[in-house]
Amino acid sequence: MNTVKVNKKHRLLKGLLIALIVIVVLVIGTFFLLMTHTQIIVGAIQNASQGIVNTKNLYEPLHEPVQTTKDNGQFIITEICYSDDYPNSFLDITYPDENVDVQRPTMIYFHGGGFFGGSKCDGDPLAETDATTLLDDICSEGFNLVNIDYALVPEYHFPTPVIQANEAFLFLMDHAEEYHLNMEQIVIMGSSAGAIITSQIGSVITNPEYAALLGINPALKSEQVKALVIDDAPLDYDKFSLGTKILVGNYVKGSIFLSKEEVKKYNNTMWITEDYIPSVLLGSEYYVDMREMDTALKDAGVEHELIDPLAEVNIQMPHCFVANERVDETAKDAYNRMIAFISQKVSSSTK
């Protein structure tokens, strides 16, 4: 009788062990599937984001093109097609006022959104909204503001948005007179995903090896671009959280498992030279990456300023915090320092 009970117990334990092994294998298998097919996760995020931000790749503009004066007096021209090669190849131009003939420096901006969503016109481009107040305020500092869209996953991957940026630059050069743009005094800024693009553009323009690696013939020369603003760019892939690896890995190849060559191609910090463009680095969620870029720029002898509230005043700020400059003192300080740096760069170039 005892032997029967022992055998039943052994069979039960064996069954539980087999079940546990099956569960572990399923969990590991599911994890591996998701990590090698990251669009499953990102696609779910895209679907949940529909109606909130743009998540589509379109060859037609998101809205009817307009030329009008906004409530704040700024004049805007929207949905200008800069290329037919890729979807979302549209840009807006905003002038500080209706006097568009005035010679002003040009600020070129790239939006964020994890490369799966977002656009230049999230929020109402004709009103001062939470999505547009930062750009409105930069424009009011005396910049003609060019706000550029680019293609999204899953149809398009790195380096397509960087290639599109170069196409936009070519368009702006060719149409500078038509749109009254000074293409000899340019500042390029990007936030989050746009900051990655901006950082990479800096290396495309100043390092021929990196430009060749991405297959880009730079439209702009380094002397045309007076400054970059890199607003919280995740660049050091090996140090990313799993969530960031899913977004960036999906953008690069659809998997979190990037090769050393793919990481090297993506992380332009490795390609910074002494010719890199003077830069403002804004670090908050990705302060580690911005500190590493700060070190690379120091080593190369490139003029720049790192704005890092965690290091400076022991305050951990949210991702791309400078957009809160109207309501937060730390963000306002960062904004003022950013404007001072880029204004000095464009003003000194006219002397």
Protein backbone atom coordinates (compact mmCIF):
# COMPACT_ATOMS: atom_id res chain seq x y z
CA MET A 1 0.00 0.00 0.00
CA ASN A 2 2.81 2.41 0.87
CA THR A 3 4.54 1.53 -2.40
CA VAL A 4 1.40 2.48 -4.34
CA LYS A 5 1.23 5.84 -2.58
CA VAL A 6 4.92 6.47 -3.24
CA ASN A 7 4.48 5.66 -6.92
CA LYS A 8 1.47 7.99 -7.17
CA LYS A 9 3.47 10.74 -5.50
CA HIS A 10 6.37 10.21 -7.89
CA ARG A 11 4.02 10.31 -10.89
CA LEU A 12 2.44 13.51 -9.57
CA LEU A 13 5.82 15.15 -9.05
CA LYS A 14 6.96 14.00 -12.47
CA GLY A 15 3.81 15.42 -14.02
CA LEU A 16 4.29 18.74 -12.24
CA LEU A 17 7.93 18.86 -13.34
CA ILE A 18 6.98 18.21 -16.96
CA ALA A 19 4.27 20.87 -16.77
CA LEU A 20 6.77 23.33 -15.29
CA ILE A 21 9.28 22.58 -18.03
CA VAL A 22 6.60 23.07 -20.68
CA ILE A 23 5.61 26.42 -19.15
CA VAL A 24 9.25 27.56 -18.97
CA VAL A 25 9.85 26.52 -22.59
CA LEU A 26 6.68 28.34 -23.68
CA VAL A 27 7.65 31.48 -21.76
CA ILE A 28 11.20 31.45 -23.16
CA GLY A 29 9.92 30.66 -26.64
CA THR A 30 7.35 33.46 -26.48
CA PHE A 31 9.96 35.90 -25.19
CA PHE A 32 12.40 34.93 -27.95
CA LEU A 33 9.64 35.23 -30.56
CA LEU A 34 8.70 38.70 -29.36
CA MET A 35 12.31 39.84 -29.11
CA THR A 36 13.11 38.67 -32.64
CA HIS A 37 9.81 39.96 -34.04
CA THR A 38 9.54 43.23 -32.14
CA GLN A 39 6.92 44.64 -34.49
CA ILE A 40 4.40 42.40 -32.72
CA ILE A 41 4.79 44.59 -29.63
CA VAL A 42 5.36 47.86 -31.46
CA GLY A 43 2.44 47.11 -33.76
CA ALA A 44 0.17 46.72 -30.74
CA ILE A 45 1.40 50.11 -29.50
CA GLN A 46 0.76 51.61 -32.93
CA ASN A 47 -2.78 50.25 -33.00
CA ALA A 48 -3.45 51.65 -29.53
CA SER A 49 -2.06 55.03 -30.61
CA GLN A 50 -4.25 55.45 -33.68
CA GLY A 51 -6.38 58.54 -33.43
CA ILE A 52 -3.96 60.07 -30.91
CA VAL A 53 -0.89 60.47 -33.12
CA ASN A 54 -0.17 59.60 -36.72
CA THR A 55 1.08 56.01 -37.12
CA LYS A 56 0.67 55.66 -40.89
CA ASN A 57 2.95 55.95 -43.89
CA LEU A 58 1.09 58.14 -46.37
CA TYR A 59 1.93 59.68 -49.73
CA GLU A 60 -0.71 62.34 -49.25
CA PRO A 61 -0.65 65.04 -46.55
CA LEU A 62 -2.30 64.45 -43.20
CA HIS A 63 -4.32 67.66 -43.55
CA GLU A 64 -5.37 70.11 -46.22
CA PRO A 65 -2.43 72.47 -46.96
CA VAL A 66 -2.90 75.99 -45.64
CA GLN A 67 -1.12 79.33 -45.66
CA THR A 68 -2.42 81.43 -42.81
CA THR A 69 -1.63 83.53 -39.76
CA LYS A 70 -1.95 81.73 -36.42
CA ASP A 71 -3.60 83.24 -33.36
CA ASN A 72 -0.16 84.18 -32.00
CA GLY A 73 0.69 86.16 -35.16
CA GLN A 74 3.04 83.59 -36.65
CA PHE A 75 2.58 82.80 -40.33
CA ILE A 76 2.51 79.14 -41.37
CA ILE A 77 2.65 77.20 -44.63
CA THR A 78 1.76 73.54 -44.19
CA GLU A 79 2.05 70.21 -45.99
CA ILE A 80 4.81 71.07 -48.45
CA CYS A 81 5.95 67.91 -50.27
CA TYR A 82 9.75 67.70 -50.27
CA SER A 83 10.16 64.36 -52.09
CA ASP A 84 8.21 61.58 -53.80
CA ASP A 85 10.61 58.80 -52.84
CA TYR A 86 9.17 57.90 -49.42
CA PRO A 87 5.88 58.39 -47.56
CA ASN A 88 5.38 61.16 -45.00
CA SER A 89 7.71 63.40 -47.02
CA PHE A 90 6.03 66.63 -45.99
CA LEU A 91 7.16 69.68 -44.06
CA ASP A 92 5.69 72.84 -42.56
CA ILE A 93 7.34 76.26 -42.40
CA THR A 94 6.47 78.77 -39.69
CA TYR A 95 7.65 82.39 -39.70
CA PRO A 96 7.65 84.67 -36.62
CA ASP A 97 5.21 87.01 -38.37
CA GLU A 98 3.67 87.76 -41.75
CA ASN A 99 6.79 89.59 -42.93
CA VAL A 100 8.36 86.47 -44.46
CA ASP A 101 10.93 88.46 -46.47
CA VAL A 102 13.00 89.24 -43.36
CA GLN A 103 16.31 87.39 -43.31
CA ARG A 104 16.32 85.08 -40.28
CA PRO A 105 18.23 81.96 -39.28
CA THR A 106 16.49 78.66 -40.06
CA MET A 107 15.61 76.12 -37.38
CA ILE A 108 14.96 72.62 -38.77
CA TYR A 109 13.12 70.30 -36.38
CA PHE A 110 12.52 66.52 -36.29
CA HIS A 111 9.74 65.16 -34.05
CA GLY A 112 9.90 62.16 -31.74
CA GLY A 113 7.65 59.12 -31.48
CA GLY A 114 9.79 56.00 -31.27
CA PHE A 115 9.84 55.74 -35.08
CA PHE A 116 6.35 54.20 -34.91
CA GLY A 117 4.26 57.37 -34.59
CA GLY A 118 4.10 61.11 -34.30
CA SER A 119 4.21 63.90 -36.84
CA LYS A 120 5.03 67.55 -37.33
CA CYS A 121 1.38 68.44 -36.83
CA ASP A 122 0.38 66.40 -33.81
CA GLY A 123 -1.91 68.77 -32.05
CA ASP A 124 -3.39 71.68 -33.97
CA PRO A 125 -0.67 73.38 -36.06
CA LEU A 126 -2.79 76.51 -36.18
CA ALA A 127 -2.99 76.94 -32.42
CA GLU A 128 -0.69 77.08 -29.44
CA THR A 129 -1.15 73.63 -27.92
CA ASP A 130 0.89 71.44 -25.59
CA ALA A 131 2.36 69.73 -28.67
CA THR A 132 3.44 72.94 -30.37
CA THR A 133 4.24 75.55 -27.71
CA LEU A 134 7.98 74.77 -27.64
CA LEU A 135 8.24 75.24 -31.40
CA ASP A 136 6.08 78.37 -31.24
CA ASP A 137 8.44 79.83 -28.65
CA ILE A 138 11.57 78.93 -30.62
CA CYS A 139 10.04 80.55 -33.70
CA SER A 140 9.25 83.68 -31.69
CA GLU A 141 12.96 83.98 -30.83
CA GLY A 142 13.52 84.99 -34.47
CA PHE A 143 13.83 81.68 -36.33
CA ASN A 144 12.04 80.54 -39.44
CA LEU A 145 11.01 77.06 -38.33
CA VAL A 146 10.94 74.07 -40.68
CA ASN A 147 9.18 71.05 -39.17
CA ILE A 148 9.82 67.79 -41.03
CA ASP A 149 7.99 64.45 -41.17
CA TYR A 150 9.55 61.08 -42.07
CA ALA A 151 8.54 57.45 -42.71
CA LEU A 152 7.68 55.07 -39.87
CA VAL A 153 7.96 51.36 -39.08
CA PRO A 154 7.07 48.67 -39.97
CA GLU A 155 7.51 49.47 -43.67
CA TYR A 156 10.63 51.59 -43.22
CA HIS A 157 13.72 51.21 -41.06
CA PHE A 158 17.02 52.90 -40.28
CA PRO A 159 18.52 54.81 -42.02
CA THR A 160 15.47 55.82 -44.12
CA PRO A 161 14.53 58.85 -41.95
CA VAL A 162 18.11 60.12 -42.17
CA ILE A 163 18.00 59.70 -45.95
CA GLN A 164 14.71 61.60 -45.98
CA ALA A 165 16.24 64.37 -43.87
CA ASN A 166 18.90 64.77 -46.54
CA GLU A 167 16.20 64.91 -49.23
CA ALA A 168 14.43 67.62 -47.25
CA PHE A 169 17.68 69.61 -47.04
CA LEU A 170 18.08 69.35 -50.84
CA PHE A 171 14.52 70.60 -51.30
CA LEU A 172 15.05 73.51 -48.92
CA MET A 173 18.26 74.48 -50.68
CA ASP A 174 16.53 74.40 -54.07
CA HIS A 175 13.52 76.38 -52.81
CA ALA A 176 15.26 78.73 -50.36
CA GLU A 177 14.39 81.82 -52.37
CA GLU A 178 10.76 80.78 -52.84
CA TYR A 179 10.26 80.26 -49.11
CA HIS A 180 12.58 83.07 -47.97
CA LEU A 181 14.85 80.70 -46.03
CA ASN A 182 18.42 81.44 -45.04
CA MET A 183 20.18 78.15 -45.71
CA GLU A 184 23.55 79.52 -44.65
CA GLN A 185 22.48 79.92 -41.01
CA ILE A 186 20.88 76.66 -39.96
CA VAL A 187 20.19 75.08 -36.58
CA ILE A 188 18.98 71.47 -36.55
CA MET A 189 17.03 70.16 -33.57
CA GLY A 190 15.32 66.90 -32.76
CA SER A 191 13.58 65.39 -29.75
CA SER A 192 13.74 61.69 -28.79
CA ALA A 193 13.64 59.76 -32.08
CA GLY A 194 14.18 63.10 -33.80
CA ALA A 195 17.22 63.67 -31.59
CA ILE A 196 18.68 60.39 -32.85
CA ILE A 197 18.19 61.61 -36.42
CA THR A 198 19.73 64.98 -35.57
CA SER A 199 22.75 63.40 -33.91
CA GLN A 200 23.30 61.12 -36.89
CA ILE A 201 22.89 64.02 -39.33
CA GLY A 202 25.74 65.75 -37.48
CA SER A 203 28.03 62.84 -38.33
CA VAL A 204 26.72 62.50 -41.89
CA ILE A 205 27.62 66.14 -42.53
CA THR A 206 31.03 66.08 -40.83
CA ASN A 207 32.36 62.53 -41.28
CA PRO A 208 32.58 61.21 -44.88
CA GLU A 209 33.09 57.63 -43.64
CA TYR A 210 29.81 57.70 -41.73
CA ALA A 211 27.99 59.32 -44.65
CA ALA A 212 29.28 56.56 -46.94
CA LEU A 213 28.27 53.91 -44.40
CA LEU A 214 24.68 55.19 -44.56
CA GLY A 215 24.85 55.67 -48.34
CA ILE A 216 24.20 59.41 -48.14
CA ASN A 217 25.75 62.23 -50.12
CA PRO A 218 25.29 65.17 -47.70
CA ALA A 219 23.20 68.03 -49.06
CA LEU A 220 24.50 70.44 -46.42
CA LYS A 221 28.04 71.48 -45.66
CA SER A 222 29.21 71.85 -42.10
CA GLU A 223 29.67 75.61 -42.45
CA GLN A 224 25.94 75.99 -43.20
CA VAL A 225 24.88 74.32 -39.94
CA LYS A 226 25.78 76.52 -36.99
CA ALA A 227 24.45 74.31 -34.18
CA LEU A 228 22.61 71.13 -33.28
CA VAL A 229 20.15 70.61 -30.42
CA ILE A 230 20.03 66.95 -29.41
CA ASP A 231 17.10 66.58 -27.05
CA ASP A 232 17.46 63.33 -25.07
CA ALA A 233 18.67 60.89 -27.73
CA PRO A 234 19.06 57.19 -26.83
CA LEU A 235 22.33 56.24 -28.57
CA ASP A 236 24.25 53.62 -26.56
CA TYR A 237 22.27 50.52 -27.51
CA ASP A 238 24.12 48.16 -25.19
CA LYS A 239 22.96 50.19 -22.17
CA PHE A 240 19.31 50.55 -23.14
CA SER A 241 16.45 49.23 -21.04
CA LEU A 242 14.49 46.38 -22.60
CA GLY A 243 11.69 48.76 -23.58
CA THR A 244 14.06 51.08 -25.43
CA LYS A 245 15.79 48.12 -27.09
CA ILE A 246 12.41 46.97 -28.38
CA LEU A 247 11.69 50.37 -29.96
CA VAL A 248 15.16 51.04 -31.35
CA GLY A 249 15.86 47.41 -32.28
CA ASN A 250 12.55 47.35 -34.13
CA TYR A 251 13.54 50.52 -35.97
CA VAL A 252 16.95 49.13 -36.95
CA LYS A 253 16.02 45.55 -37.93
CA GLY A 254 12.87 44.25 -36.23
CA SER A 255 14.76 42.49 -33.43
CA ILE A 256 16.52 43.46 -30.21
CA PHE A 257 19.51 41.33 -31.18
CA LEU A 258 21.68 43.75 -33.12
CA SER A 259 25.12 42.82 -34.38
CA LYS A 260 28.18 44.84 -33.40
CA GLU A 261 28.24 46.34 -36.88
CA GLU A 262 24.58 47.35 -36.65
CA VAL A 263 25.15 48.98 -33.26
CA LYS A 264 28.20 50.80 -34.61
CA LYS A 265 26.22 52.03 -37.61
CA TYR A 266 23.39 53.27 -35.39
CA ASN A 267 25.42 54.88 -32.58
CA ASN A 268 27.07 57.84 -34.25
CA THR A 269 28.86 58.75 -31.01
CA MET A 270 31.54 56.41 -32.33
CA TRP A 271 31.87 58.58 -35.44
CA ILE A 272 32.33 62.00 -33.84
CA THR A 273 35.33 63.95 -35.08
CA GLU A 274 36.78 67.38 -34.38
CA ASP A 275 34.62 68.69 -37.25
CA TYR A 276 31.34 67.80 -35.54
CA ILE A 277 28.89 70.69 -35.30
CA PRO A 278 28.63 72.72 -32.05
CA SER A 279 25.86 71.15 -30.03
CA VAL A 280 23.47 71.51 -27.13
CA LEU A 281 22.78 68.21 -25.41
CA LEU A 282 19.64 67.90 -23.29
CA GLY A 283 19.75 64.90 -20.97
CA SER A 284 16.88 63.56 -18.88
CA GLU A 285 15.64 59.98 -19.38
CA TYR A 286 18.71 59.27 -21.52
CA TYR A 287 21.18 61.27 -19.48
CA VAL A 288 23.67 58.36 -19.69
CA ASP A 289 23.73 58.61 -23.48
CA MET A 290 24.00 62.39 -23.42
CA ARG A 291 26.88 62.20 -20.94
CA GLU A 292 28.66 59.74 -23.20
CA MET A 293 28.18 62.07 -26.14
CA ASP A 294 29.41 64.92 -23.96
CA THR A 295 32.61 62.94 -23.34
CA ALA A 296 33.02 62.16 -27.05
CA LEU A 297 32.60 65.83 -27.96
CA LYS A 298 35.08 66.89 -25.27
CA ASP A 299 37.62 64.35 -26.51
CA ALA A 300 37.19 65.66 -30.05
CA GLY A 301 37.46 69.29 -28.92
CA VAL A 302 33.98 70.22 -30.18
CA GLU A 303 32.24 73.21 -28.63
CA HIS A 304 29.05 72.13 -26.88
CA GLU A 305 26.94 72.41 -23.76
CA LEU A 306 25.44 69.52 -21.80
CA ILE A 307 22.28 70.45 -19.89
CA ASP A 308 21.80 67.66 -17.34
CA PRO A 309 19.48 68.56 -14.43
CA LEU A 310 20.25 65.31 -12.59
CA ALA A 311 23.95 66.14 -12.46
CA GLU A 312 23.47 69.86 -11.96
CA VAL A 313 20.66 70.12 -9.40
CA ASN A 314 19.88 66.46 -8.60
CA ILE A 315 16.49 66.58 -10.33
CA GLN A 316 15.42 63.69 -12.56
CA MET A 317 13.42 65.31 -15.34
CA PRO A 318 10.98 63.53 -17.67
CA HIS A 319 11.85 62.61 -21.24
CA CYS A 320 12.37 65.68 -23.46
CA PHE A 321 11.58 67.94 -20.51
CA VAL A 322 12.47 71.21 -22.27
CA ALA A 323 8.99 71.13 -23.88
CA ASN A 324 7.61 72.09 -20.44
CA GLU A 325 9.49 75.39 -20.49
CA ARG A 326 6.35 77.47 -19.99
CA VAL A 327 5.35 75.78 -16.75
CA ASP A 328 8.51 74.34 -15.18
CA GLU A 329 11.46 76.37 -13.88
CA THR A 330 14.08 73.70 -14.59
CA ALA A 331 12.78 73.32 -18.13
CA LYS A 332 12.71 77.12 -18.55
CA ASP A 333 16.35 77.35 -17.47
CA ALA A 334 17.28 74.65 -19.99
CA TYR A 335 15.33 76.44 -22.70
CA ASN A 336 17.04 79.77 -21.98
CA ARG A 337 20.48 78.16 -22.06
CA MET A 338 19.65 76.35 -25.30
CA ILE A 339 18.44 79.57 -26.95
CA ALA A 340 21.51 81.48 -25.71
CA PHE A 341 23.85 78.88 -27.22
CA ILE A 342 22.21 78.64 -30.64
CA SER A 343 21.55 82.40 -30.86
CA GLN A 344 25.22 83.08 -30.22
CA LYS A 345 26.17 80.62 -32.97
CA VAL A 346 23.93 82.13 -35.63
CA SER A 347 24.68 85.73 -34.64
CA SER A 348 28.45 85.23 -34.57
CA SER A 349 28.34 83.75 -38.07
CA THR A 350 27.06 87.09 -39.44
CA LYS A 351 29.95 89.12 -38.06
